[in-house]
Amino acid sequence: MNAAEFVHAYGYYAVVVGTFFEGELVMLAAGVAACAGVLSLPGVILAGMLGIFASDTFCFLLGRLAGDRIKRWFPRLHARLGGVFRLIESRGRILVVCFQFFPGLCTVTPVAFGMTAIPIARFMALDLVGNVVWTLVFSCGGYAFGTLFERMVHDSYRWELGLIGALACAGLAVWRISRIFGAKAAQPAG
């Protein structure tokens, strides 16, 4: 089984599992795979939405069921939650829709919402709207990147090497941005 056959056979499962843990890079790569014809773009979008929604729901329920214990067990998370609670107070509903776009807050925010009085149905409905937008942006962004890159490089060997390099750079950028935002969220308000 070559790499393309492997991705075709297991790619959608990988998108669901991958987006449960790390969404941006997985969705960009899946969008590129859809551009290459290995996966379908609608399938990538649905798989990504499922993984992200499952992750957000899990984190929300974790906050709802074990919120106080989480604060004690993970002091660094507790420091980040303070900033998220301030955002929840000032931005509430819009934050549920938009938090996916802020690296470093993607896991903490649903936990924080779980620790508030927001009804689970309201959180899930608003989260679903945000997940649709986020998934479309990143999967279509990966697809567009793949299309542009394919136009720039016609030789398949160089295309694959360039793709690997581009994904590594994108992963490094996402990691760096999440570290920056994570450090800012952990700082106490002054």
C-alpha atoms as a PDB file:
ATOM      1  CA  MET A   1       0.000   0.000   0.000  1.00  0.00           C
ATOM      2  CA  ASN A   2       1.556   3.300  -1.057  1.00  0.00           C
ATOM      3  CA  ALA A   3       1.087   6.604   0.779  1.00  0.00           C
ATOM      4  CA  ALA A   4      -1.797   7.811  -1.410  1.00  0.00           C
ATOM      5  CA  GLU A   5      -3.710   4.537  -0.919  1.00  0.00           C
ATOM      6  CA  PHE A   6      -3.086   4.694   2.824  1.00  0.00           C
ATOM      7  CA  VAL A   7      -4.386   8.279   3.047  1.00  0.00           C
ATOM      8  CA  HIS A   8      -7.380   7.379   0.876  1.00  0.00           C
ATOM      9  CA  ALA A   9      -8.215   4.395   3.113  1.00  0.00           C
ATOM     10  CA  TYR A  10      -7.612   5.999   6.520  1.00  0.00           C
ATOM     11  CA  GLY A  11      -7.480   9.737   5.845  1.00  0.00           C
ATOM     12  CA  TYR A  12     -10.932  10.657   7.132  1.00  0.00           C
ATOM     13  CA  TYR A  13     -10.344   8.736  10.375  1.00  0.00           C
ATOM     14  CA  ALA A  14      -7.012  10.520  10.735  1.00  0.00           C
ATOM     15  CA  VAL A  15      -8.755  13.878  10.253  1.00  0.00           C
ATOM     16  CA  VAL A  16     -11.299  13.085  12.988  1.00  0.00           C
ATOM     17  CA  VAL A  17      -8.646  11.915  15.449  1.00  0.00           C
ATOM     18  CA  GLY A  18      -6.163  14.612  14.447  1.00  0.00           C
ATOM     19  CA  THR A  19      -8.625  17.481  14.815  1.00  0.00           C
ATOM     20  CA  PHE A  20      -9.618  16.162  18.219  1.00  0.00           C
ATOM     21  CA  PHE A  21      -6.079  16.975  19.374  1.00  0.00           C
ATOM     22  CA  GLU A  22      -4.586  19.542  16.937  1.00  0.00           C
ATOM     23  CA  GLY A  23      -6.850  21.115  14.391  1.00  0.00           C
ATOM     24  CA  GLU A  24      -5.054  23.732  12.296  1.00  0.00           C
ATOM     25  CA  LEU A  25      -2.248  21.658  10.838  1.00  0.00           C
ATOM     26  CA  VAL A  26      -4.471  18.615  10.307  1.00  0.00           C
ATOM     27  CA  MET A  27      -7.108  20.612   8.432  1.00  0.00           C
ATOM     28  CA  LEU A  28      -4.531  22.370   6.257  1.00  0.00           C
ATOM     29  CA  ALA A  29      -2.931  19.024   5.364  1.00  0.00           C
ATOM     30  CA  ALA A  30      -6.331  17.438   4.718  1.00  0.00           C
ATOM     31  CA  GLY A  31      -7.244  20.353   2.444  1.00  0.00           C
ATOM     32  CA  VAL A  32      -4.024  19.775   0.497  1.00  0.00           C
ATOM     33  CA  ALA A  33      -4.877  16.039   0.278  1.00  0.00           C
ATOM     34  CA  ALA A  34      -8.306  16.994  -1.096  1.00  0.00           C
ATOM     35  CA  CYS A  35      -6.638  19.233  -3.666  1.00  0.00           C
ATOM     36  CA  ALA A  36      -4.437  16.294  -4.718  1.00  0.00           C
ATOM     37  CA  GLY A  37      -7.566  14.157  -5.173  1.00  0.00           C
ATOM     38  CA  VAL A  38      -6.675  11.700  -2.419  1.00  0.00           C
ATOM     39  CA  LEU A  39      -9.605  12.819  -0.213  1.00  0.00           C
ATOM     40  CA  SER A  40     -12.786  14.686  -1.054  1.00  0.00           C
ATOM     41  CA  LEU A  41     -13.156  18.232   0.242  1.00  0.00           C
ATOM     42  CA  PRO A  42     -16.720  17.668   1.586  1.00  0.00           C
ATOM     43  CA  GLY A  43     -15.508  14.532   3.389  1.00  0.00           C
ATOM     44  CA  VAL A  44     -12.575  16.454   4.870  1.00  0.00           C
ATOM     45  CA  ILE A  45     -14.917  19.204   6.066  1.00  0.00           C
ATOM     46  CA  LEU A  46     -17.335  16.749   7.698  1.00  0.00           C
ATOM     47  CA  ALA A  47     -14.543  14.744   9.335  1.00  0.00           C
ATOM     48  CA  GLY A  48     -12.930  17.929  10.651  1.00  0.00           C
ATOM     49  CA  MET A  49     -16.216  19.223  12.047  1.00  0.00           C
ATOM     50  CA  LEU A  50     -16.807  15.904  13.796  1.00  0.00           C
ATOM     51  CA  GLY A  51     -13.349  15.855  15.404  1.00  0.00           C
ATOM     52  CA  ILE A  52     -13.419  19.493  16.520  1.00  0.00           C
ATOM     53  CA  PHE A  53     -16.985  19.243  17.834  1.00  0.00           C
ATOM     54  CA  ALA A  54     -16.140  16.075  19.767  1.00  0.00           C
ATOM     55  CA  SER A  55     -13.061  17.733  21.271  1.00  0.00           C
ATOM     56  CA  ASP A  56     -14.957  20.872  22.292  1.00  0.00           C
ATOM     57  CA  THR A  57     -17.806  18.853  23.794  1.00  0.00           C
ATOM     58  CA  PHE A  58     -15.361  16.655  25.729  1.00  0.00           C
ATOM     59  CA  CYS A  59     -13.532  19.716  27.102  1.00  0.00           C
ATOM     60  CA  PHE A  60     -16.834  21.419  27.998  1.00  0.00           C
ATOM     61  CA  LEU A  61     -18.034  18.339  29.896  1.00  0.00           C
ATOM     62  CA  LEU A  62     -14.641  18.046  31.587  1.00  0.00           C
ATOM     63  CA  GLY A  63     -15.035  21.607  32.848  1.00  0.00           C
ATOM     64  CA  ARG A  64     -18.624  20.959  33.901  1.00  0.00           C
ATOM     65  CA  LEU A  65     -17.889  17.744  35.776  1.00  0.00           C
ATOM     66  CA  ALA A  66     -14.386  18.339  37.170  1.00  0.00           C
ATOM     67  CA  GLY A  67     -13.805  22.094  36.997  1.00  0.00           C
ATOM     68  CA  ASP A  68     -12.635  22.724  40.558  1.00  0.00           C
ATOM     69  CA  ARG A  69     -10.389  19.664  40.579  1.00  0.00           C
ATOM     70  CA  ILE A  70      -8.838  20.744  37.268  1.00  0.00           C
ATOM     71  CA  LYS A  71      -7.840  24.052  38.839  1.00  0.00           C
ATOM     72  CA  ARG A  72      -6.043  22.228  41.651  1.00  0.00           C
ATOM     73  CA  TRP A  73      -4.435  19.552  39.467  1.00  0.00           C
ATOM     74  CA  PHE A  74      -3.168  21.892  36.735  1.00  0.00           C
ATOM     75  CA  PRO A  75      -2.035  25.229  38.197  1.00  0.00           C
ATOM     76  CA  ARG A  76      -0.780  26.538  34.826  1.00  0.00           C
ATOM     77  CA  LEU A  77      -4.197  25.865  33.320  1.00  0.00           C
ATOM     78  CA  HIS A  78      -5.765  27.671  36.270  1.00  0.00           C
ATOM     79  CA  ALA A  79      -3.713  30.764  35.436  1.00  0.00           C
ATOM     80  CA  ARG A  80      -4.909  30.654  31.817  1.00  0.00           C
ATOM     81  CA  LEU A  81      -8.515  30.190  32.898  1.00  0.00           C
ATOM     82  CA  GLY A  82      -8.541  33.596  34.615  1.00  0.00           C
ATOM     83  CA  GLY A  83      -8.015  35.364  31.302  1.00  0.00           C
ATOM     84  CA  VAL A  84     -10.618  33.202  29.610  1.00  0.00           C
ATOM     85  CA  PHE A  85     -13.189  33.947  32.331  1.00  0.00           C
ATOM     86  CA  ARG A  86     -12.637  37.676  31.750  1.00  0.00           C
ATOM     87  CA  LEU A  87     -13.228  37.132  28.021  1.00  0.00           C
ATOM     88  CA  ILE A  88     -16.369  35.117  28.759  1.00  0.00           C
ATOM     89  CA  GLU A  89     -17.743  37.929  30.919  1.00  0.00           C
ATOM     90  CA  SER A  90     -17.121  40.559  28.264  1.00  0.00           C
ATOM     91  CA  ARG A  91     -17.717  38.610  25.039  1.00  0.00           C
ATOM     92  CA  GLY A  92     -19.799  35.527  26.002  1.00  0.00           C
ATOM     93  CA  ARG A  93     -21.659  34.217  22.971  1.00  0.00           C
ATOM     94  CA  ILE A  94     -19.313  35.624  20.347  1.00  0.00           C
ATOM     95  CA  LEU A  95     -16.396  33.930  22.126  1.00  0.00           C
ATOM     96  CA  VAL A  96     -18.070  30.519  21.760  1.00  0.00           C
ATOM     97  CA  VAL A  97     -18.284  31.087  18.010  1.00  0.00           C
ATOM     98  CA  CYS A  98     -14.769  32.521  17.567  1.00  0.00           C
ATOM     99  CA  PHE A  99     -12.455  30.863  20.100  1.00  0.00           C
ATOM    100  CA  GLN A 100     -11.233  28.267  17.570  1.00  0.00           C
ATOM    101  CA  PHE A 101      -9.386  31.039  15.754  1.00  0.00           C
ATOM    102  CA  PHE A 102      -7.197  31.852  18.785  1.00  0.00           C
ATOM    103  CA  PRO A 103      -4.331  29.353  19.093  1.00  0.00           C
ATOM    104  CA  GLY A 104      -3.638  28.454  22.679  1.00  0.00           C
ATOM    105  CA  LEU A 105      -7.238  29.015  23.766  1.00  0.00           C
ATOM    106  CA  CYS A 106      -8.860  26.193  21.796  1.00  0.00           C
ATOM    107  CA  THR A 107      -8.766  23.674  24.644  1.00  0.00           C
ATOM    108  CA  VAL A 108      -8.977  26.009  27.614  1.00  0.00           C
ATOM    109  CA  THR A 109     -12.037  27.946  26.446  1.00  0.00           C
ATOM    110  CA  PRO A 110     -14.489  25.001  26.313  1.00  0.00           C
ATOM    111  CA  VAL A 111     -13.252  23.892  29.752  1.00  0.00           C
ATOM    112  CA  ALA A 112     -13.898  27.409  31.070  1.00  0.00           C
ATOM    113  CA  PHE A 113     -17.365  27.520  29.495  1.00  0.00           C
ATOM    114  CA  GLY A 114     -18.089  24.167  31.153  1.00  0.00           C
ATOM    115  CA  MET A 115     -17.320  25.797  34.487  1.00  0.00           C
ATOM    116  CA  THR A 116     -19.905  28.547  33.891  1.00  0.00           C
ATOM    117  CA  ALA A 117     -23.691  28.414  34.004  1.00  0.00           C
ATOM    118  CA  ILE A 118     -24.139  28.394  30.203  1.00  0.00           C
ATOM    119  CA  PRO A 119     -26.549  25.613  29.217  1.00  0.00           C
ATOM    120  CA  ILE A 120     -24.862  22.798  27.312  1.00  0.00           C
ATOM    121  CA  ALA A 121     -27.357  23.056  24.440  1.00  0.00           C
ATOM    122  CA  ARG A 122     -26.557  26.760  23.926  1.00  0.00           C
ATOM    123  CA  PHE A 123     -22.810  26.091  24.050  1.00  0.00           C
ATOM    124  CA  MET A 124     -23.092  23.222  21.564  1.00  0.00           C
ATOM    125  CA  ALA A 125     -25.263  25.214  19.136  1.00  0.00           C
ATOM    126  CA  LEU A 126     -22.927  28.225  19.142  1.00  0.00           C
ATOM    127  CA  ASP A 127     -19.869  25.972  19.040  1.00  0.00           C
ATOM    128  CA  LEU A 128     -21.269  24.171  15.995  1.00  0.00           C
ATOM    129  CA  VAL A 129     -21.592  27.490  14.156  1.00  0.00           C
ATOM    130  CA  GLY A 130     -18.002  28.367  15.003  1.00  0.00           C
ATOM    131  CA  ASN A 131     -16.793  24.896  13.998  1.00  0.00           C
ATOM    132  CA  VAL A 132     -18.454  25.164  10.589  1.00  0.00           C
ATOM    133  CA  VAL A 133     -16.748  28.497   9.889  1.00  0.00           C
ATOM    134  CA  TRP A 134     -13.377  27.386  11.270  1.00  0.00           C
ATOM    135  CA  THR A 135     -13.410  24.071   9.386  1.00  0.00           C
ATOM    136  CA  LEU A 136     -14.339  25.743   6.114  1.00  0.00           C
ATOM    137  CA  VAL A 137     -11.583  28.348   6.495  1.00  0.00           C
ATOM    138  CA  PHE A 138      -8.798  25.856   7.234  1.00  0.00           C
ATOM    139  CA  SER A 139      -9.820  23.064   4.853  1.00  0.00           C
ATOM    140  CA  CYS A 140     -10.426  25.464   1.965  1.00  0.00           C
ATOM    141  CA  GLY A 141      -7.202  27.276   2.877  1.00  0.00           C
ATOM    142  CA  GLY A 142      -5.297  23.993   2.576  1.00  0.00           C
ATOM    143  CA  TYR A 143      -7.058  23.276  -0.704  1.00  0.00           C
ATOM    144  CA  ALA A 144      -6.178  26.721  -2.063  1.00  0.00           C
ATOM    145  CA  PHE A 145      -2.578  26.327  -0.884  1.00  0.00           C
ATOM    146  CA  GLY A 146      -2.357  22.957  -2.643  1.00  0.00           C
ATOM    147  CA  THR A 147      -3.755  24.440  -5.853  1.00  0.00           C
ATOM    148  CA  LEU A 148      -1.336  27.361  -5.785  1.00  0.00           C
ATOM    149  CA  PHE A 149       1.600  25.155  -4.962  1.00  0.00           C
ATOM    150  CA  GLU A 150       0.711  22.697  -7.726  1.00  0.00           C
ATOM    151  CA  ARG A 151       0.647  25.544 -10.247  1.00  0.00           C
ATOM    152  CA  MET A 152       4.034  26.752  -9.077  1.00  0.00           C
ATOM    153  CA  VAL A 153       5.764  23.375  -9.227  1.00  0.00           C
ATOM    154  CA  HIS A 154       4.906  20.859 -11.958  1.00  0.00           C
ATOM    155  CA  ASP A 155       7.443  18.183 -11.135  1.00  0.00           C
ATOM    156  CA  SER A 156       5.801  15.719  -8.713  1.00  0.00           C
ATOM    157  CA  TYR A 157       9.045  14.978  -6.855  1.00  0.00           C
ATOM    158  CA  ARG A 158       9.674  18.635  -6.065  1.00  0.00           C
ATOM    159  CA  TRP A 159       5.940  19.132  -5.328  1.00  0.00           C
ATOM    160  CA  GLU A 160       6.048  16.457  -2.609  1.00  0.00           C
ATOM    161  CA  LEU A 161       9.255  17.828  -1.101  1.00  0.00           C
ATOM    162  CA  GLY A 162       7.851  21.348  -1.177  1.00  0.00           C
ATOM    163  CA  LEU A 163       4.631  20.178   0.424  1.00  0.00           C
ATOM    164  CA  ILE A 164       6.496  18.510   3.253  1.00  0.00           C
ATOM    165  CA  GLY A 165       8.551  21.665   3.777  1.00  0.00           C
ATOM    166  CA  ALA A 166       5.490  23.905   3.645  1.00  0.00           C
ATOM    167  CA  LEU A 167       3.595  21.750   6.150  1.00  0.00           C
ATOM    168  CA  ALA A 168       6.601  21.745   8.470  1.00  0.00           C
ATOM    169  CA  CYS A 169       6.776  25.557   8.253  1.00  0.00           C
ATOM    170  CA  ALA A 170       3.023  25.863   8.837  1.00  0.00           C
ATOM    171  CA  GLY A 171       3.258  23.558  11.852  1.00  0.00           C
ATOM    172  CA  LEU A 172       6.128  25.572  13.275  1.00  0.00           C
ATOM    173  CA  ALA A 173       4.201  28.826  12.748  1.00  0.00           C
ATOM    174  CA  VAL A 174       1.064  27.460  14.445  1.00  0.00           C
ATOM    175  CA  TRP A 175       3.143  26.138  17.345  1.00  0.00           C
ATOM    176  CA  ARG A 176       4.933  29.471  17.755  1.00  0.00           C
ATOM    177  CA  ILE A 177       1.716  31.505  17.606  1.00  0.00           C
ATOM    178  CA  SER A 178       0.071  29.229  20.164  1.00  0.00           C
ATOM    179  CA  ARG A 179       3.080  29.668  22.490  1.00  0.00           C
ATOM    180  CA  ILE A 180       2.837  33.460  22.160  1.00  0.00           C
ATOM    181  CA  PHE A 181      -0.907  33.570  22.828  1.00  0.00           C
ATOM    182  CA  GLY A 182      -0.582  30.978  25.578  1.00  0.00           C
ATOM    183  CA  ALA A 183       2.042  33.065  27.348  1.00  0.00           C
ATOM    184  CA  LYS A 184      -0.126  36.195  27.091  1.00  0.00           C
ATOM    185  CA  ALA A 185      -3.202  34.353  28.399  1.00  0.00           C
ATOM    186  CA  ALA A 186      -1.209  33.025  31.361  1.00  0.00           C
ATOM    187  CA  GLN A 187      -0.049  36.486  32.435  1.00  0.00           C
ATOM    188  CA  PRO A 188      -2.098  38.026  35.256  1.00  0.00           C
ATOM    189  CA  ALA A 189      -4.056  41.150  34.370  1.00  0.00           C
ATOM    190  CA  GLY A 190      -2.217  44.262  35.376  1.00  0.00           C
END
